Structure formats: structure tokens, C-alpha cells
Amino acid sequence: MKGPYKLGTLHSPLPPATTSWEHTRLSRGSRYRVAGSFVDADGDEHPSGEEWIFLNTTFSKFDNELTIQVRKDNGEEWKIPLVWERGRQWDVLENWSQYFRLC
């Protein structure tokens, strides 16, 4: 998990692309709760019950890494990196509804 960043740093004025992972999954500006604990690509644990406001995603084809950008209640913004490979965070990305629940 990378951060914290100042409030407004990770905001994106552009809507998600219709072909992006984000387009049909998480809704920008909505609050989510972690429903199934997981460890991100940096080795940081995200326990069940963790809550944040979803800001947007970025994707690196080079690293096959999707980064979920979020805002915590204290105003800090964070990047949660997830690698789209088996043995990494593939299950979180493919079965996202088991890990993230709309509050």
C-alpha cells in the first residue's frame, strides 16, 4: 500500500474506460468495506471490516498490476496495488465481489 497522499491527489476527472476493470465493478465516490481479508502486492494486509471511499483505478500492462486508489475517513489517500497473476492477487481481482462490499 502506497501513501498517504494529500486529499485530492488521486482524484481523476476522467470516467473509467468502457473496457477497464473498474467500469463494471466499483463505483467512484462510493464507500466500500473489505469483506474478505487479503494481502496486496506490497505485502500489506487489508482485514475484513476495513472501509474506504473508492476513487479510481490505474493499470500497468508492464507489471500486470491494477492499482485501486482510495480515500480513508481521515482524508488520506492510498494506492492498493494488486498483481493480476495466480499466486498473487488474481483471486481478489477475478472474484472482487467476495472481497469488496458496498456500504
PDB file of N, CA and C in Angstrom:
ATOM      1  N   MET A   1       0.853  -1.155   0.000  1.00  0.00           N
ATOM      2  CA  MET A   1       0.000   0.000   0.000  1.00  0.00           C
ATOM      3  C   MET A   1       0.903   1.223   0.000  1.00  0.00           C
ATOM      4  N   LYS A   2       0.638   2.126  -0.905  1.00  0.00           N
ATOM      5  CA  LYS A   2       1.471   3.315  -1.027  1.00  0.00           C
ATOM      6  C   LYS A   2       0.696   4.543  -0.578  1.00  0.00           C
ATOM      7  N   GLY A   3       1.341   5.390   0.189  1.00  0.00           N
ATOM      8  CA  GLY A   3       0.729   6.610   0.660  1.00  0.00           C
ATOM      9  C   GLY A   3       1.195   6.889   2.065  1.00  0.00           C
ATOM     10  N   PRO A   4       0.607   7.821   2.737  1.00  0.00           N
ATOM     11  CA  PRO A   4      -0.590   8.550   2.322  1.00  0.00           C
ATOM     12  C   PRO A   4      -0.264   9.701   1.380  1.00  0.00           C
ATOM     13  N   TYR A   5      -1.257  10.039   0.565  1.00  0.00           N
ATOM     14  CA  TYR A   5      -1.200  11.199  -0.310  1.00  0.00           C
ATOM     15  C   TYR A   5      -2.195  12.221   0.225  1.00  0.00           C
ATOM     16  N   LYS A   6      -1.942  13.500  -0.066  1.00  0.00           N
ATOM     17  CA  LYS A   6      -2.847  14.556   0.383  1.00  0.00           C
ATOM     18  C   LYS A   6      -4.205  14.442  -0.298  1.00  0.00           C
ATOM     19  N   LEU A   7      -5.230  14.904   0.392  1.00  0.00           N
ATOM     20  CA  LEU A   7      -6.593  14.914  -0.113  1.00  0.00           C
ATOM     21  C   LEU A   7      -6.639  15.558  -1.500  1.00  0.00           C
ATOM     22  N   GLY A   8      -7.232  14.843  -2.456  1.00  0.00           N
ATOM     23  CA  GLY A   8      -7.371  15.345  -3.822  1.00  0.00           C
ATOM     24  C   GLY A   8      -6.270  14.938  -4.767  1.00  0.00           C
ATOM     25  N   THR A   9      -5.204  14.337  -4.268  1.00  0.00           N
ATOM     26  CA  THR A   9      -4.075  13.949  -5.111  1.00  0.00           C
ATOM     27  C   THR A   9      -4.457  12.878  -6.123  1.00  0.00           C
ATOM     28  N   LEU A  10      -5.234  11.890  -5.733  1.00  0.00           N
ATOM     29  CA  LEU A  10      -5.532  10.750  -6.593  1.00  0.00           C
ATOM     30  C   LEU A  10      -6.846  10.877  -7.345  1.00  0.00           C
ATOM     31  N   HIS A  11      -7.483  12.030  -7.251  1.00  0.00           N
ATOM     32  CA  HIS A  11      -8.753  12.259  -7.950  1.00  0.00           C
ATOM     33  C   HIS A  11      -8.531  12.227  -9.457  1.00  0.00           C
ATOM     34  N   SER A  12      -9.436  11.592 -10.186  1.00  0.00           N
ATOM     35  CA  SER A  12      -9.375  11.555 -11.648  1.00  0.00           C
ATOM     36  C   SER A  12     -10.648  12.163 -12.218  1.00  0.00           C
ATOM     37  N   PRO A  13     -10.520  13.217 -13.039  1.00  0.00           N
ATOM     38  CA  PRO A  13     -11.710  13.825 -13.629  1.00  0.00           C
ATOM     39  C   PRO A  13     -12.288  13.011 -14.788  1.00  0.00           C
ATOM     40  N   LEU A  14     -11.538  12.024 -15.251  1.00  0.00           N
ATOM     41  CA  LEU A  14     -11.980  11.215 -16.386  1.00  0.00           C
ATOM     42  C   LEU A  14     -12.790  10.012 -15.925  1.00  0.00           C
ATOM     43  N   PRO A  15     -13.856   9.678 -16.644  1.00  0.00           N
ATOM     44  CA  PRO A  15     -14.626   8.471 -16.307  1.00  0.00           C
ATOM     45  C   PRO A  15     -13.828   7.225 -16.676  1.00  0.00           C
ATOM     46  N   PRO A  16     -14.157   6.084 -16.079  1.00  0.00           N
ATOM     47  CA  PRO A  16     -13.448   4.855 -16.440  1.00  0.00           C
ATOM     48  C   PRO A  16     -13.752   4.470 -17.883  1.00  0.00           C
ATOM     49  N   ALA A  17     -12.765   3.897 -18.550  1.00  0.00           N
ATOM     50  CA  ALA A  17     -12.965   3.410 -19.912  1.00  0.00           C
ATOM     51  C   ALA A  17     -13.947   2.248 -19.897  1.00  0.00           C
ATOM     52  N   THR A  18     -14.708   2.085 -20.963  1.00  0.00           N
ATOM     53  CA  THR A  18     -15.705   1.012 -21.005  1.00  0.00           C
ATOM     54  C   THR A  18     -15.062  -0.366 -21.005  1.00  0.00           C
ATOM     55  N   THR A  19     -13.774  -0.436 -21.287  1.00  0.00           N
ATOM     56  CA  THR A  19     -13.078  -1.722 -21.297  1.00  0.00           C
ATOM     57  C   THR A  19     -12.259  -1.956 -20.026  1.00  0.00           C
ATOM     58  N   SER A  20     -12.312  -1.024 -19.070  1.00  0.00           N
ATOM     59  CA  SER A  20     -11.487  -1.164 -17.871  1.00  0.00           C
ATOM     60  C   SER A  20     -12.131  -2.087 -16.839  1.00  0.00           C
ATOM     61  N   TRP A  21     -11.302  -2.609 -15.949  1.00  0.00           N
ATOM     62  CA  TRP A  21     -11.773  -3.457 -14.851  1.00  0.00           C
ATOM     63  C   TRP A  21     -12.780  -2.690 -13.998  1.00  0.00           C
ATOM     64  N   GLU A  22     -12.507  -1.448 -13.757  1.00  0.00           N
ATOM     65  CA  GLU A  22     -13.339  -0.612 -12.892  1.00  0.00           C
ATOM     66  C   GLU A  22     -14.737  -0.388 -13.441  1.00  0.00           C
ATOM     67  N   HIS A  23     -14.889  -0.309 -14.743  1.00  0.00           N
ATOM     68  CA  HIS A  23     -16.140   0.096 -15.382  1.00  0.00           C
ATOM     69  C   HIS A  23     -17.366  -0.683 -14.895  1.00  0.00           C
ATOM     70  N   THR A  24     -17.226  -1.983 -14.684  1.00  0.00           N
ATOM     71  CA  THR A  24     -18.379  -2.802 -14.296  1.00  0.00           C
ATOM     72  C   THR A  24     -18.296  -3.328 -12.860  1.00  0.00           C
ATOM     73  N   ARG A  25     -17.399  -2.764 -12.052  1.00  0.00           N
ATOM     74  CA  ARG A  25     -17.209  -3.318 -10.719  1.00  0.00           C
ATOM     75  C   ARG A  25     -17.437  -2.317  -9.592  1.00  0.00           C
ATOM     76  N   LEU A  26     -16.501  -1.427  -9.358  1.00  0.00           N
ATOM     77  CA  LEU A  26     -16.609  -0.486  -8.254  1.00  0.00           C
ATOM     78  C   LEU A  26     -17.071   0.869  -8.775  1.00  0.00           C
ATOM     79  N   SER A  27     -17.788   1.596  -7.949  1.00  0.00           N
ATOM     80  CA  SER A  27     -18.348   2.890  -8.337  1.00  0.00           C
ATOM     81  C   SER A  27     -17.574   4.018  -7.659  1.00  0.00           C
ATOM     82  N   ARG A  28     -17.035   4.914  -8.454  1.00  0.00           N
ATOM     83  CA  ARG A  28     -16.257   6.028  -7.914  1.00  0.00           C
ATOM     84  C   ARG A  28     -17.085   6.855  -6.932  1.00  0.00           C
ATOM     85  N   GLY A  29     -16.450   7.207  -5.809  1.00  0.00           N
ATOM     86  CA  GLY A  29     -17.104   8.022  -4.793  1.00  0.00           C
ATOM     87  C   GLY A  29     -17.939   7.226  -3.805  1.00  0.00           C
ATOM     88  N   SER A  30     -18.042   5.911  -4.008  1.00  0.00           N
ATOM     89  CA  SER A  30     -18.831   5.063  -3.107  1.00  0.00           C
ATOM     90  C   SER A  30     -17.946   4.471  -2.017  1.00  0.00           C
ATOM     91  N   ARG A  31     -18.565   4.229  -0.860  1.00  0.00           N
ATOM     92  CA  ARG A  31     -17.857   3.635   0.279  1.00  0.00           C
ATOM     93  C   ARG A  31     -17.933   2.110   0.183  1.00  0.00           C
ATOM     94  N   TYR A  32     -16.787   1.470   0.412  1.00  0.00           N
ATOM     95  CA  TYR A  32     -16.701   0.013   0.387  1.00  0.00           C
ATOM     96  C   TYR A  32     -16.089  -0.496   1.676  1.00  0.00           C
ATOM     97  N   ARG A  33     -16.477  -1.720   2.024  1.00  0.00           N
ATOM     98  CA  ARG A  33     -15.928  -2.430   3.166  1.00  0.00           C
ATOM     99  C   ARG A  33     -15.251  -3.692   2.641  1.00  0.00           C
ATOM    100  N   VAL A  34     -14.084  -3.990   3.181  1.00  0.00           N
ATOM    101  CA  VAL A  34     -13.408  -5.225   2.817  1.00  0.00           C
ATOM    102  C   VAL A  34     -14.170  -6.365   3.477  1.00  0.00           C
ATOM    103  N   ALA A  35     -14.690  -7.268   2.657  1.00  0.00           N
ATOM    104  CA  ALA A  35     -15.499  -8.385   3.152  1.00  0.00           C
ATOM    105  C   ALA A  35     -14.660  -9.639   3.365  1.00  0.00           C
ATOM    106  N   GLY A  36     -13.581  -9.757   2.614  1.00  0.00           N
ATOM    107  CA  GLY A  36     -12.674 -10.893   2.750  1.00  0.00           C
ATOM    108  C   GLY A  36     -11.256 -10.368   2.811  1.00  0.00           C
ATOM    109  N   SER A  37     -10.561 -10.639   3.899  1.00  0.00           N
ATOM    110  CA  SER A  37      -9.216 -10.093   4.054  1.00  0.00           C
ATOM    111  C   SER A  37      -8.300 -10.591   2.937  1.00  0.00           C
ATOM    112  N   PHE A  38      -7.331  -9.747   2.585  1.00  0.00           N
ATOM    113  CA  PHE A  38      -6.356 -10.092   1.550  1.00  0.00           C
ATOM    114  C   PHE A  38      -5.075  -9.309   1.792  1.00  0.00           C
ATOM    115  N   VAL A  39      -4.003  -9.750   1.145  1.00  0.00           N
ATOM    116  CA  VAL A  39      -2.711  -9.070   1.213  1.00  0.00           C
ATOM    117  C   VAL A  39      -2.442  -8.492  -0.162  1.00  0.00           C
ATOM    118  N   ASP A  40      -2.085  -7.197  -0.215  1.00  0.00           N
ATOM    119  CA  ASP A  40      -1.836  -6.559  -1.510  1.00  0.00           C
ATOM    120  C   ASP A  40      -0.423  -6.875  -2.016  1.00  0.00           C
ATOM    121  N   ALA A  41      -0.071  -6.354  -3.176  1.00  0.00           N
ATOM    122  CA  ALA A  41       1.206  -6.659  -3.816  1.00  0.00           C
ATOM    123  C   ALA A  41       2.403  -6.121  -3.040  1.00  0.00           C
ATOM    124  N   ASP A  42       2.177  -5.157  -2.133  1.00  0.00           N
ATOM    125  CA  ASP A  42       3.264  -4.640  -1.301  1.00  0.00           C
ATOM    126  C   ASP A  42       3.408  -5.416   0.002  1.00  0.00           C
ATOM    127  N   GLY A  43       2.540  -6.417   0.215  1.00  0.00           N
ATOM    128  CA  GLY A  43       2.592  -7.219   1.430  1.00  0.00           C
ATOM    129  C   GLY A  43       1.787  -6.664   2.584  1.00  0.00           C
ATOM    130  N   ASP A  44       0.981  -5.624   2.328  1.00  0.00           N
ATOM    131  CA  ASP A  44       0.148  -5.047   3.374  1.00  0.00           C
ATOM    132  C   ASP A  44      -1.187  -5.772   3.448  1.00  0.00           C
ATOM    133  N   GLU A  45      -1.594  -6.106   4.686  1.00  0.00           N
ATOM    134  CA  GLU A  45      -2.861  -6.810   4.874  1.00  0.00           C
ATOM    135  C   GLU A  45      -4.021  -5.828   4.927  1.00  0.00           C
ATOM    136  N   HIS A  46      -5.129  -6.219   4.308  1.00  0.00           N
ATOM    137  CA  HIS A  46      -6.372  -5.462   4.339  1.00  0.00           C
ATOM    138  C   HIS A  46      -7.404  -6.364   5.001  1.00  0.00           C
ATOM    139  N   PRO A  47      -7.638  -6.129   6.302  1.00  0.00           N
ATOM    140  CA  PRO A  47      -8.521  -7.016   7.058  1.00  0.00           C
ATOM    141  C   PRO A  47      -9.992  -6.776   6.758  1.00  0.00           C
ATOM    142  N   SER A  48     -10.798  -7.797   6.982  1.00  0.00           N
ATOM    143  CA  SER A  48     -12.251  -7.646   6.879  1.00  0.00           C
ATOM    144  C   SER A  48     -12.676  -6.503   7.781  1.00  0.00           C
ATOM    145  N   GLY A  49     -13.563  -5.666   7.271  1.00  0.00           N
ATOM    146  CA  GLY A  49     -14.047  -4.523   8.033  1.00  0.00           C
ATOM    147  C   GLY A  49     -13.380  -3.214   7.671  1.00  0.00           C
ATOM    148  N   GLU A  50     -12.218  -3.279   7.017  1.00  0.00           N
ATOM    149  CA  GLU A  50     -11.558  -2.039   6.580  1.00  0.00           C
ATOM    150  C   GLU A  50     -12.490  -1.301   5.619  1.00  0.00           C
ATOM    151  N   GLU A  51     -12.611   0.010   5.786  1.00  0.00           N
ATOM    152  CA  GLU A  51     -13.504   0.789   4.930  1.00  0.00           C
ATOM    153  C   GLU A  51     -12.771   1.954   4.296  1.00  0.00           C
ATOM    154  N   TRP A  52     -13.209   2.315   3.101  1.00  0.00           N
ATOM    155  CA  TRP A  52     -12.657   3.455   2.382  1.00  0.00           C
ATOM    156  C   TRP A  52     -13.596   3.866   1.261  1.00  0.00           C
ATOM    157  N   ILE A  53     -13.348   5.045   0.714  1.00  0.00           N
ATOM    158  CA  ILE A  53     -14.099   5.538  -0.437  1.00  0.00           C
ATOM    159  C   ILE A  53     -13.268   5.257  -1.673  1.00  0.00           C
ATOM    160  N   PHE A  54     -13.880   4.609  -2.644  1.00  0.00           N
ATOM    161  CA  PHE A  54     -13.184   4.270  -3.876  1.00  0.00           C
ATOM    162  C   PHE A  54     -13.046   5.502  -4.762  1.00  0.00           C
ATOM    163  N   LEU A  55     -11.824   5.777  -5.234  1.00  0.00           N
ATOM    164  CA  LEU A  55     -11.561   6.928  -6.099  1.00  0.00           C
ATOM    165  C   LEU A  55     -11.457   6.530  -7.565  1.00  0.00           C
ATOM    166  N   ASN A  56     -10.577   5.565  -7.880  1.00  0.00           N
ATOM    167  CA  ASN A  56     -10.393   5.107  -9.259  1.00  0.00           C
ATOM    168  C   ASN A  56      -9.346   3.998  -9.310  1.00  0.00           C
ATOM    169  N   THR A  57      -9.050   3.558 -10.506  1.00  0.00           N
ATOM    170  CA  THR A  57      -8.003   2.551 -10.700  1.00  0.00           C
ATOM    171  C   THR A  57      -7.052   3.004 -11.794  1.00  0.00           C
ATOM    172  N   THR A  58      -5.854   2.440 -11.748  1.00  0.00           N
ATOM    173  CA  THR A  58      -4.901   2.566 -12.845  1.00  0.00           C
ATOM    174  C   THR A  58      -4.397   1.158 -13.136  1.00  0.00           C
ATOM    175  N   PHE A  59      -3.939   0.933 -14.362  1.00  0.00           N
ATOM    176  CA  PHE A  59      -3.442  -0.390 -14.727  1.00  0.00           C
ATOM    177  C   PHE A  59      -2.109  -0.258 -15.451  1.00  0.00           C
ATOM    178  N   SER A  60      -1.150  -1.059 -15.041  1.00  0.00           N
ATOM    179  CA  SER A  60       0.157  -1.114 -15.689  1.00  0.00           C
ATOM    180  C   SER A  60       0.264  -2.437 -16.444  1.00  0.00           C
ATOM    181  N   LYS A  61       0.266  -2.373 -17.772  1.00  0.00           N
ATOM    182  CA  LYS A  61       0.424  -3.590 -18.577  1.00  0.00           C
ATOM    183  C   LYS A  61       1.797  -4.215 -18.346  1.00  0.00           C
ATOM    184  N   PHE A  62       2.803  -3.378 -18.144  1.00  0.00           N
ATOM    185  CA  PHE A  62       4.170  -3.858 -17.942  1.00  0.00           C
ATOM    186  C   PHE A  62       4.260  -4.760 -16.714  1.00  0.00           C
ATOM    187  N   ASP A  63       3.626  -4.334 -15.612  1.00  0.00           N
ATOM    188  CA  ASP A  63       3.680  -5.099 -14.358  1.00  0.00           C
ATOM    189  C   ASP A  63       2.462  -5.990 -14.155  1.00  0.00           C
ATOM    190  N   ASN A  64       1.464  -5.888 -15.057  1.00  0.00           N
ATOM    191  CA  ASN A  64       0.208  -6.611 -14.905  1.00  0.00           C
ATOM    192  C   ASN A  64      -0.413  -6.308 -13.539  1.00  0.00           C
ATOM    193  N   GLU A  65      -0.346  -5.001 -13.188  1.00  0.00           N
ATOM    194  CA  GLU A  65      -0.772  -4.561 -11.865  1.00  0.00           C
ATOM    195  C   GLU A  65      -1.909  -3.549 -11.962  1.00  0.00           C
ATOM    196  N   LEU A  66      -2.990  -3.863 -11.268  1.00  0.00           N
ATOM    197  CA  LEU A  66      -4.104  -2.933 -11.132  1.00  0.00           C
ATOM    198  C   LEU A  66      -3.952  -2.262  -9.772  1.00  0.00           C
ATOM    199  N   THR A  67      -4.026  -0.943  -9.758  1.00  0.00           N
ATOM    200  CA  THR A  67      -3.915  -0.196  -8.509  1.00  0.00           C
ATOM    201  C   THR A  67      -5.259   0.439  -8.202  1.00  0.00           C
ATOM    202  N   ILE A  68      -5.795   0.090  -7.035  1.00  0.00           N
ATOM    203  CA  ILE A  68      -7.044   0.676  -6.562  1.00  0.00           C
ATOM    204  C   ILE A  68      -6.671   1.871  -5.701  1.00  0.00           C
ATOM    205  N   GLN A  69      -7.235   3.024  -6.027  1.00  0.00           N
ATOM    206  CA  GLN A  69      -6.935   4.247  -5.289  1.00  0.00           C
ATOM    207  C   GLN A  69      -8.137   4.603  -4.415  1.00  0.00           C
ATOM    208  N   VAL A  70      -7.860   4.828  -3.128  1.00  0.00           N
ATOM    209  CA  VAL A  70      -8.925   5.005  -2.144  1.00  0.00           C
ATOM    210  C   VAL A  70      -8.651   6.188  -1.226  1.00  0.00           C
ATOM    211  N   ARG A  71      -9.705   6.641  -0.533  1.00  0.00           N
ATOM    212  CA  ARG A  71      -9.582   7.688   0.481  1.00  0.00           C
ATOM    213  C   ARG A  71     -10.115   7.140   1.801  1.00  0.00           C
ATOM    214  N   LYS A  72      -9.316   7.261   2.843  1.00  0.00           N
ATOM    215  CA  LYS A  72      -9.746   6.849   4.186  1.00  0.00           C
ATOM    216  C   LYS A  72     -10.523   7.983   4.836  1.00  0.00           C
ATOM    217  N   ASP A  73     -11.179   7.700   5.951  1.00  0.00           N
ATOM    218  CA  ASP A  73     -12.000   8.686   6.647  1.00  0.00           C
ATOM    219  C   ASP A  73     -11.211   9.904   7.120  1.00  0.00           C
ATOM    220  N   ASN A  74      -9.923   9.740   7.374  1.00  0.00           N
ATOM    221  CA  ASN A  74      -9.107  10.857   7.849  1.00  0.00           C
ATOM    222  C   ASN A  74      -8.652  11.774   6.704  1.00  0.00           C
ATOM    223  N   GLY A  75      -9.087  11.467   5.462  1.00  0.00           N
ATOM    224  CA  GLY A  75      -8.744  12.298   4.309  1.00  0.00           C
ATOM    225  C   GLY A  75      -7.506  11.845   3.565  1.00  0.00           C
ATOM    226  N   GLU A  76      -6.761  10.902   4.132  1.00  0.00           N
ATOM    227  CA  GLU A  76      -5.567  10.401   3.441  1.00  0.00           C
ATOM    228  C   GLU A  76      -5.982   9.525   2.265  1.00  0.00           C
ATOM    229  N   GLU A  77      -5.237   9.640   1.183  1.00  0.00           N
ATOM    230  CA  GLU A  77      -5.480   8.816   0.005  1.00  0.00           C
ATOM    231  C   GLU A  77      -4.353   7.809  -0.134  1.00  0.00           C
ATOM    232  N   TRP A  78      -4.712   6.605  -0.559  1.00  0.00           N
ATOM    233  CA  TRP A  78      -3.775   5.495  -0.625  1.00  0.00           C
ATOM    234  C   TRP A  78      -3.927   4.748  -1.943  1.00  0.00           C
ATOM    235  N   LYS A  79      -2.859   4.078  -2.359  1.00  0.00           N
ATOM    236  CA  LYS A  79      -2.874   3.208  -3.534  1.00  0.00           C
ATOM    237  C   LYS A  79      -2.711   1.771  -3.058  1.00  0.00           C
ATOM    238  N   ILE A  80      -3.617   0.903  -3.507  1.00  0.00           N
ATOM    239  CA  ILE A  80      -3.567  -0.520  -3.154  1.00  0.00           C
ATOM    240  C   ILE A  80      -3.220  -1.295  -4.423  1.00  0.00           C
ATOM    241  N   PRO A  81      -1.963  -1.773  -4.556  1.00  0.00           N
ATOM    242  CA  PRO A  81      -1.562  -2.492  -5.765  1.00  0.00           C
ATOM    243  C   PRO A  81      -1.956  -3.968  -5.717  1.00  0.00           C
ATOM    244  N   LEU A  82      -2.488  -4.461  -6.826  1.00  0.00           N
ATOM    245  CA  LEU A  82      -2.905  -5.864  -6.945  1.00  0.00           C
ATOM    246  C   LEU A  82      -2.351  -6.415  -8.246  1.00  0.00           C
ATOM    247  N   VAL A  83      -1.594  -7.505  -8.168  1.00  0.00           N
ATOM    248  CA  VAL A  83      -0.994  -8.107  -9.361  1.00  0.00           C
ATOM    249  C   VAL A  83      -1.927  -9.189  -9.895  1.00  0.00           C
ATOM    250  N   TRP A  84      -2.212  -9.109 -11.187  1.00  0.00           N
ATOM    251  CA  TRP A  84      -3.172  -9.996 -11.846  1.00  0.00           C
ATOM    252  C   TRP A  84      -2.477 -11.286 -12.293  1.00  0.00           C
ATOM    253  N   GLU A  85      -2.006 -12.055 -11.315  1.00  0.00           N
ATOM    254  CA  GLU A  85      -1.349 -13.335 -11.594  1.00  0.00           C
ATOM    255  C   GLU A  85      -1.759 -14.331 -10.530  1.00  0.00           C
ATOM    256  N   ARG A  86      -1.881 -15.591 -10.929  1.00  0.00           N
ATOM    257  CA  ARG A  86      -2.186 -16.651  -9.958  1.00  0.00           C
ATOM    258  C   ARG A  86      -1.063 -16.705  -8.931  1.00  0.00           C
ATOM    259  N   GLY A  87      -1.436 -16.929  -7.690  1.00  0.00           N
ATOM    260  CA  GLY A  87      -0.455 -16.927  -6.613  1.00  0.00           C
ATOM    261  C   GLY A  87      -0.203 -15.533  -6.058  1.00  0.00           C
ATOM    262  N   ARG A  88      -0.758 -14.532  -6.707  1.00  0.00           N
ATOM    263  CA  ARG A  88      -0.656 -13.142  -6.205  1.00  0.00           C
ATOM    264  C   ARG A  88      -2.077 -12.701  -5.833  1.00  0.00           C
ATOM    265  N   GLN A  89      -2.590 -11.647  -6.442  1.00  0.00           N
ATOM    266  CA  GLN A  89      -3.925 -11.161  -6.105  1.00  0.00           C
ATOM    267  C   GLN A  89      -4.952 -11.467  -7.195  1.00  0.00           C
ATOM    268  N   TRP A  90      -4.696 -12.471  -7.994  1.00  0.00           N
ATOM    269  CA  TRP A  90      -5.610 -12.854  -9.073  1.00  0.00           C
ATOM    270  C   TRP A  90      -7.021 -13.092  -8.546  1.00  0.00           C
ATOM    271  N   ASP A  91      -7.131 -13.817  -7.436  1.00  0.00           N
ATOM    272  CA  ASP A  91      -8.447 -14.144  -6.890  1.00  0.00           C
ATOM    273  C   ASP A  91      -9.206 -12.883  -6.466  1.00  0.00           C
ATOM    274  N   VAL A  92      -8.504 -11.907  -5.893  1.00  0.00           N
ATOM    275  CA  VAL A  92      -9.149 -10.654  -5.482  1.00  0.00           C
ATOM    276  C   VAL A  92      -9.719  -9.938  -6.700  1.00  0.00           C
ATOM    277  N   LEU A  93      -8.958  -9.898  -7.786  1.00  0.00           N
ATOM    278  CA  LEU A  93      -9.400  -9.196  -8.994  1.00  0.00           C
ATOM    279  C   LEU A  93     -10.494  -9.950  -9.743  1.00  0.00           C
ATOM    280  N   GLU A  94     -10.412 -11.243  -9.802  1.00  0.00           N
ATOM    281  CA  GLU A  94     -11.396 -12.038 -10.535  1.00  0.00           C
ATOM    282  C   GLU A  94     -12.693 -12.246  -9.749  1.00  0.00           C
ATOM    283  N   ASN A  95     -12.587 -12.281  -8.428  1.00  0.00           N
ATOM    284  CA  ASN A  95     -13.748 -12.524  -7.567  1.00  0.00           C
ATOM    285  C   ASN A  95     -13.956 -11.344  -6.630  1.00  0.00           C
ATOM    286  N   TRP A  96     -13.865 -10.154  -7.178  1.00  0.00           N
ATOM    287  CA  TRP A  96     -13.883  -8.910  -6.410  1.00  0.00           C
ATOM    288  C   TRP A  96     -15.078  -8.782  -5.474  1.00  0.00           C
ATOM    289  N   SER A  97     -16.251  -9.312  -5.865  1.00  0.00           N
ATOM    290  CA  SER A  97     -17.447  -9.148  -5.033  1.00  0.00           C
ATOM    291  C   SER A  97     -17.363  -9.950  -3.728  1.00  0.00           C
ATOM    292  N   GLN A  98     -16.431 -10.878  -3.644  1.00  0.00           N
ATOM    293  CA  GLN A  98     -16.209 -11.605  -2.388  1.00  0.00           C
ATOM    294  C   GLN A  98     -15.289 -10.819  -1.445  1.00  0.00           C
ATOM    295  N   TYR A  99     -14.626  -9.802  -1.992  1.00  0.00           N
ATOM    296  CA  TYR A  99     -13.662  -9.027  -1.212  1.00  0.00           C
ATOM    297  C   TYR A  99     -14.114  -7.602  -0.894  1.00  0.00           C
ATOM    298  N   PHE A 100     -14.920  -7.002  -1.758  1.00  0.00           N
ATOM    299  CA  PHE A 100     -15.362  -5.609  -1.585  1.00  0.00           C
ATOM    300  C   PHE A 100     -16.875  -5.539  -1.578  1.00  0.00           C
ATOM    301  N   ARG A 101     -17.438  -4.925  -0.543  1.00  0.00           N
ATOM    302  CA  ARG A 101     -18.891  -4.772  -0.434  1.00  0.00           C
ATOM    303  C   ARG A 101     -19.229  -3.300  -0.300  1.00  0.00           C
ATOM    304  N   LEU A 102     -20.226  -2.883  -1.029  1.00  0.00           N
ATOM    305  CA  LEU A 102     -20.742  -1.532  -0.934  1.00  0.00           C
ATOM    306  C   LEU A 102     -21.359  -1.330   0.445  1.00  0.00           C
ATOM    307  N   CYS A 103     -21.039  -0.240   1.104  1.00  0.00           N
ATOM    308  CA  CYS A 103     -21.592   0.047   2.446  1.00  0.00           C
ATOM    309  C   CYS A 103     -22.954   0.706   2.321  1.00  0.00           C
TER     310      CYS A 103
END
